[in-house]
Amino acid sequence: MTDNPNGEITLLYGDSGITTISFYHPAQNSLPSALLEALADKIDQAGTNAQTRVIILKSGGDRTFCAGASFDELLQIKDKGAGAAFFSGFARVINAIRKSPKIVIGRVQGKAVGGGVGLAAAADYCLATEAAAIKLSELAIGIGPFVISPAVTRKIGLPAFSQLTIRATDFQSAQWAREKGLYNEVYADIMELDVALDVLAEKLASYHPDALSGLKQILWEGTENWDDLLAERAAISGELVLSEFTQQALHDFMDKK
């Protein structure tokens, strides 16, 4: 992790076949379009590397896992095309995880908001800390979690997704997220999380790679239309972000910071 104001994506190949991809942005690990593009590229790169047996997806720092979309960039969107292009960044990351032949383990050390919940949902298996509360705040600013909703609903089901979306200003606890299926395991703190993560990743990396690849295909059965589906959802969000309601809500939020 550095002090780069634009954030960064790092990719590290481990000797035992464990590849770690980490994203960081000083604004609570929010994701502007450049980072989303780079993140998808790194996931693609790791997945096609013969050295990789399993991928760990994590973020920098010891607090927020991911605050979702960059509000600064959302305020710069001036037309439907630019809006669709921005939200397509989240679609591309989710689809990169979906299409990767390697199992992706999510490490969620802190709060996940909006697109951050989408990243956790897209992971094939997800470990978190007690501090990793979740929130889908999109409705409160005039847009919906349309791009990430297929990934989130696939993990937690429609009733839980409805609660998370309609209670847009409320955080749900990490234990709630575990009970609903978003998180597979929850630990007291980052130290315990990382110990468990290391053990799991080492174990997975020791398994037959063809068996892991076959499992990956089974986990994502029925999602073959997501390239088109998520692009359509990105266009909806890209149009809504231009509305007067959303622009005012974004300005109000930024004024409170």
Protein backbone atom coordinates (compact mmCIF):
# COMPACT_ATOMS: atom_id res chain seq x y z
CA MET A 1 0.00 0.00 0.00
CA THR A 2 1.32 3.44 -0.96
CA ASP A 3 0.19 7.04 -0.75
CA ASN A 4 -0.66 7.11 -4.46
CA PRO A 5 -3.68 9.48 -4.69
CA ASN A 6 -4.97 7.54 -7.69
CA GLY A 7 -4.80 4.21 -5.93
CA GLU A 8 -3.17 1.06 -7.23
CA ILE A 9 -3.61 -2.62 -8.05
CA THR A 10 -0.90 -5.12 -7.17
CA LEU A 11 -0.47 -8.73 -8.26
CA LEU A 12 1.85 -11.11 -6.44
CA TYR A 13 2.61 -14.67 -7.52
CA GLY A 14 3.46 -16.97 -4.62
CA ASP A 15 5.74 -20.00 -4.80
CA SER A 16 2.98 -22.43 -3.81
CA GLY A 17 0.56 -21.34 -6.53
CA ILE A 18 -1.26 -18.74 -4.42
CA THR A 19 -1.68 -15.50 -6.37
CA THR A 20 -2.73 -12.40 -4.44
CA ILE A 21 -4.44 -9.43 -6.07
CA SER A 22 -4.82 -6.33 -3.92
CA PHE A 23 -6.53 -3.03 -4.67
CA TYR A 24 -6.08 0.21 -2.79
CA HIS A 25 -7.47 3.74 -2.96
CA PRO A 26 -7.00 6.40 -0.28
CA ALA A 27 -10.75 7.18 -0.34
CA GLN A 28 -11.76 4.08 1.64
CA ASN A 29 -10.75 1.77 -1.19
CA SER A 30 -13.40 3.21 -3.50
CA LEU A 31 -13.03 2.21 -7.12
CA PRO A 32 -12.74 4.73 -9.98
CA SER A 33 -12.92 3.42 -13.53
CA ALA A 34 -9.14 3.21 -14.02
CA LEU A 35 -8.79 0.92 -11.00
CA LEU A 36 -11.76 -1.20 -12.06
CA GLU A 37 -10.18 -1.72 -15.48
CA ALA A 38 -6.81 -2.58 -13.94
CA LEU A 39 -8.42 -4.94 -11.42
CA ALA A 40 -10.24 -6.86 -14.15
CA ASP A 41 -7.01 -7.08 -16.15
CA LYS A 42 -5.09 -8.48 -13.17
CA ILE A 43 -7.79 -11.09 -12.51
CA ASP A 44 -7.62 -12.15 -16.16
CA GLN A 45 -3.82 -12.24 -16.01
CA ALA A 46 -3.73 -14.32 -12.85
CA GLY A 47 -6.35 -16.73 -14.12
CA THR A 48 -4.44 -17.56 -17.30
CA ASN A 49 -1.08 -17.91 -15.55
CA ALA A 50 -0.02 -21.56 -15.31
CA GLN A 51 1.66 -20.84 -11.97
CA THR A 52 -1.62 -19.82 -10.33
CA ARG A 53 -3.63 -22.46 -8.47
CA VAL A 54 -5.85 -20.14 -6.41
CA ILE A 55 -6.43 -16.37 -6.31
CA ILE A 56 -6.85 -14.24 -3.20
CA LEU A 57 -8.70 -10.94 -3.74
CA LYS A 58 -8.09 -8.37 -1.02
CA SER A 59 -7.81 -4.64 -0.41
CA GLY A 60 -5.21 -2.53 1.32
CA GLY A 61 -5.39 -1.12 4.83
CA ASP A 62 -7.01 -2.44 7.97
CA ARG A 63 -10.37 -0.71 7.84
CA THR A 64 -12.83 -0.45 4.91
CA PHE A 65 -12.69 -3.31 2.43
CA CYS A 66 -14.31 -1.28 -0.35
CA ALA A 67 -16.55 1.79 -0.37
CA GLY A 68 -17.86 0.99 -3.84
CA ALA A 69 -18.01 3.44 -6.72
CA SER A 70 -15.94 6.61 -6.67
CA PHE A 71 -18.37 9.44 -5.95
CA ASP A 72 -15.85 11.96 -7.29
CA GLU A 73 -15.98 10.22 -10.65
CA LEU A 74 -19.75 9.78 -10.56
CA LEU A 75 -20.08 13.56 -10.38
CA GLN A 76 -18.01 13.91 -13.54
CA ILE A 77 -20.35 11.79 -15.66
CA LYS A 78 -22.16 14.00 -18.17
CA ASP A 79 -23.82 11.62 -20.64
CA LYS A 80 -25.35 8.15 -20.87
CA GLY A 81 -22.36 6.68 -22.66
CA ALA A 82 -19.93 7.76 -19.98
CA GLY A 83 -22.31 6.51 -17.29
CA ALA A 84 -22.68 3.10 -18.89
CA ALA A 85 -18.91 2.90 -19.37
CA PHE A 86 -18.26 3.63 -15.70
CA PHE A 87 -20.68 1.03 -14.35
CA SER A 88 -19.42 -1.46 -16.92
CA GLY A 89 -16.19 -1.41 -14.94
CA PHE A 90 -17.91 -3.27 -12.10
CA ALA A 91 -19.50 -5.61 -14.64
CA ARG A 92 -16.11 -6.43 -16.11
CA VAL A 93 -14.59 -7.22 -12.70
CA ILE A 94 -17.47 -9.51 -11.75
CA ASN A 95 -17.32 -11.25 -15.11
CA ALA A 96 -13.53 -11.59 -14.85
CA ILE A 97 -13.98 -13.46 -11.56
CA ARG A 98 -16.80 -15.52 -13.04
CA LYS A 99 -14.79 -16.54 -16.11
CA SER A 100 -11.51 -17.13 -14.33
CA PRO A 101 -10.62 -20.83 -14.36
CA LYS A 102 -9.15 -20.40 -10.87
CA ILE A 103 -11.00 -20.32 -7.55
CA VAL A 104 -11.11 -16.78 -6.14
CA ILE A 105 -11.10 -16.33 -2.35
CA GLY A 106 -12.30 -12.97 -1.04
CA ARG A 107 -10.65 -11.42 2.04
CA VAL A 108 -12.93 -8.79 3.59
CA GLN A 109 -11.22 -7.09 6.52
CA GLY A 110 -13.71 -4.25 7.02
CA LYS A 111 -16.92 -2.63 5.81
CA ALA A 112 -18.15 -3.28 2.29
CA VAL A 113 -20.52 -0.81 0.63
CA GLY A 114 -22.22 -0.94 -2.77
CA GLY A 115 -19.80 -2.33 -5.32
CA GLY A 116 -17.71 -3.68 -2.46
CA VAL A 117 -20.57 -6.03 -1.59
CA GLY A 118 -20.61 -7.02 -5.25
CA LEU A 119 -16.93 -7.97 -5.13
CA ALA A 120 -17.47 -10.09 -2.02
CA ALA A 121 -20.45 -11.78 -3.66
CA ALA A 122 -18.50 -12.51 -6.85
CA ALA A 123 -15.74 -14.33 -4.94
CA ASP A 124 -16.11 -18.10 -4.99
CA TYR A 125 -15.48 -18.28 -1.24
CA CYS A 126 -15.30 -15.36 1.16
CA LEU A 127 -13.65 -14.87 4.56
CA ALA A 128 -14.33 -11.77 6.66
CA THR A 129 -13.86 -10.18 10.08
CA GLU A 130 -16.53 -9.15 12.57
CA ALA A 131 -15.91 -5.56 11.41
CA ALA A 132 -17.02 -6.40 7.86
CA ALA A 133 -20.55 -4.98 7.97
CA ILE A 134 -22.27 -4.50 4.61
CA LYS A 135 -24.58 -1.94 3.05
CA LEU A 136 -26.16 -1.37 -0.37
CA SER A 137 -26.66 2.40 -0.31
CA GLU A 138 -27.41 2.90 -4.01
CA LEU A 139 -31.15 3.49 -3.60
CA ALA A 140 -30.46 6.37 -1.21
CA ILE A 141 -28.58 8.27 -3.91
CA GLY A 142 -31.07 7.59 -6.67
CA ILE A 143 -29.46 4.62 -8.38
CA GLY A 144 -29.95 0.92 -7.73
CA PRO A 145 -27.38 -1.86 -7.30
CA PHE A 146 -28.31 -3.12 -10.74
CA VAL A 147 -24.92 -4.30 -11.99
CA ILE A 148 -24.01 -6.21 -8.84
CA SER A 149 -27.50 -7.53 -8.07
CA PRO A 150 -27.12 -10.81 -10.02
CA ALA A 151 -23.96 -11.67 -8.06
CA VAL A 152 -25.41 -10.62 -4.70
CA THR A 153 -28.78 -12.31 -5.23
CA ARG A 154 -27.06 -15.48 -6.38
CA LYS A 155 -25.29 -15.65 -3.01
CA ILE A 156 -27.87 -14.43 -0.50
CA GLY A 157 -31.23 -14.92 -2.23
CA LEU A 158 -33.95 -12.44 -3.15
CA PRO A 159 -35.45 -11.86 0.34
CA ALA A 160 -32.09 -10.90 1.87
CA PHE A 161 -31.21 -8.82 -1.19
CA SER A 162 -34.54 -6.99 -0.85
CA GLN A 163 -33.79 -6.19 2.79
CA LEU A 164 -30.28 -5.03 2.00
CA THR A 165 -31.46 -2.82 -0.86
CA ILE A 166 -34.57 -1.33 0.72
CA ARG A 167 -32.76 -0.66 4.01
CA ALA A 168 -30.30 1.36 1.97
CA THR A 169 -28.99 3.50 4.82
CA ASP A 170 -28.52 0.63 7.28
CA PHE A 171 -25.47 -1.55 7.75
CA GLN A 172 -26.05 -5.27 8.26
CA SER A 173 -23.53 -7.07 10.45
CA ALA A 174 -20.88 -9.50 9.29
CA GLN A 175 -22.75 -12.28 11.10
CA TRP A 176 -25.92 -11.36 9.18
CA ALA A 177 -23.88 -11.60 5.97
CA ARG A 178 -22.55 -15.01 7.02
CA GLU A 179 -26.01 -16.30 7.90
CA LYS A 180 -27.30 -15.19 4.49
CA GLY A 181 -24.40 -16.80 2.62
CA LEU A 182 -22.34 -13.81 1.50
CA TYR A 183 -19.50 -14.67 3.88
CA ASN A 184 -18.52 -18.29 4.37
CA GLU A 185 -16.45 -17.70 7.50
CA VAL A 186 -16.19 -14.78 9.95
CA TYR A 187 -13.28 -14.17 12.35
CA ALA A 188 -12.79 -11.91 15.35
CA ASP A 189 -10.02 -9.81 13.83
CA ILE A 190 -7.62 -9.45 10.92
CA MET A 191 -4.96 -11.62 12.54
CA GLU A 192 -7.33 -14.58 12.88
CA LEU A 193 -8.68 -13.91 9.39
CA ASP A 194 -5.25 -14.06 7.79
CA VAL A 195 -4.25 -17.23 9.62
CA ALA A 196 -7.41 -18.97 8.37
CA LEU A 197 -6.94 -17.51 4.89
CA ASP A 198 -3.38 -18.82 4.62
CA VAL A 199 -4.40 -22.30 5.73
CA LEU A 200 -7.31 -22.44 3.28
CA ALA A 201 -5.32 -21.08 0.33
CA GLU A 202 -2.46 -23.52 0.92
CA LYS A 203 -4.90 -26.41 1.11
CA LEU A 204 -6.70 -25.42 -2.08
CA ALA A 205 -3.41 -24.89 -3.91
CA SER A 206 -2.47 -28.49 -3.11
CA TYR A 207 -5.53 -29.94 -4.83
CA HIS A 208 -5.66 -31.19 -8.41
CA PRO A 209 -5.91 -28.10 -10.65
CA ASP A 210 -8.33 -29.80 -13.05
CA ALA A 211 -10.63 -30.65 -10.15
CA LEU A 212 -10.56 -27.03 -9.01
CA SER A 213 -11.29 -25.83 -12.55
CA GLY A 214 -14.20 -28.26 -12.81
CA LEU A 215 -15.57 -27.05 -9.50
CA LYS A 216 -15.32 -23.46 -10.70
CA GLN A 217 -17.49 -24.29 -13.71
CA ILE A 218 -20.11 -25.90 -11.48
CA LEU A 219 -20.18 -22.92 -9.12
CA TRP A 220 -21.06 -20.59 -11.99
CA GLU A 221 -23.55 -22.74 -13.89
CA GLY A 222 -26.45 -20.75 -15.27
CA THR A 223 -24.57 -17.44 -15.53
CA GLU A 224 -23.52 -17.73 -19.17
CA ASN A 225 -25.62 -14.68 -20.14
CA TRP A 226 -23.93 -12.32 -17.67
CA ASP A 227 -21.81 -10.51 -20.25
CA ASP A 228 -25.00 -9.16 -21.83
CA LEU A 229 -27.01 -8.95 -18.61
CA LEU A 230 -24.49 -6.87 -16.67
CA ALA A 231 -23.91 -4.58 -19.67
CA GLU A 232 -27.67 -3.92 -19.79
CA ARG A 233 -27.69 -3.21 -16.05
CA ALA A 234 -24.71 -0.84 -16.43
CA ALA A 235 -26.66 1.17 -19.00
CA ILE A 236 -29.58 1.55 -16.56
CA SER A 237 -27.31 2.83 -13.78
CA GLY A 238 -25.45 5.03 -16.26
CA GLU A 239 -28.69 6.80 -17.15
CA LEU A 240 -29.96 7.15 -13.58
CA VAL A 241 -26.73 8.78 -12.38
CA LEU A 242 -27.49 11.74 -14.67
CA SER A 243 -30.80 12.49 -12.93
CA GLU A 244 -31.20 15.67 -10.94
CA PHE A 245 -32.09 13.61 -7.87
CA THR A 246 -28.89 11.61 -7.99
CA GLN A 247 -26.65 14.55 -8.79
CA GLN A 248 -28.06 16.45 -5.81
CA ALA A 249 -27.71 13.41 -3.54
CA LEU A 250 -24.08 13.00 -4.59
CA HIS A 251 -23.34 16.68 -3.93
CA ASP A 252 -25.05 16.47 -0.53
CA PHE A 253 -22.95 13.44 0.36
CA MET A 254 -19.71 15.12 -0.72
CA ASP A 255 -20.59 18.26 1.25
CA LYS A 256 -20.88 16.16 4.43
CA LYS A 257 -17.41 14.65 4.05
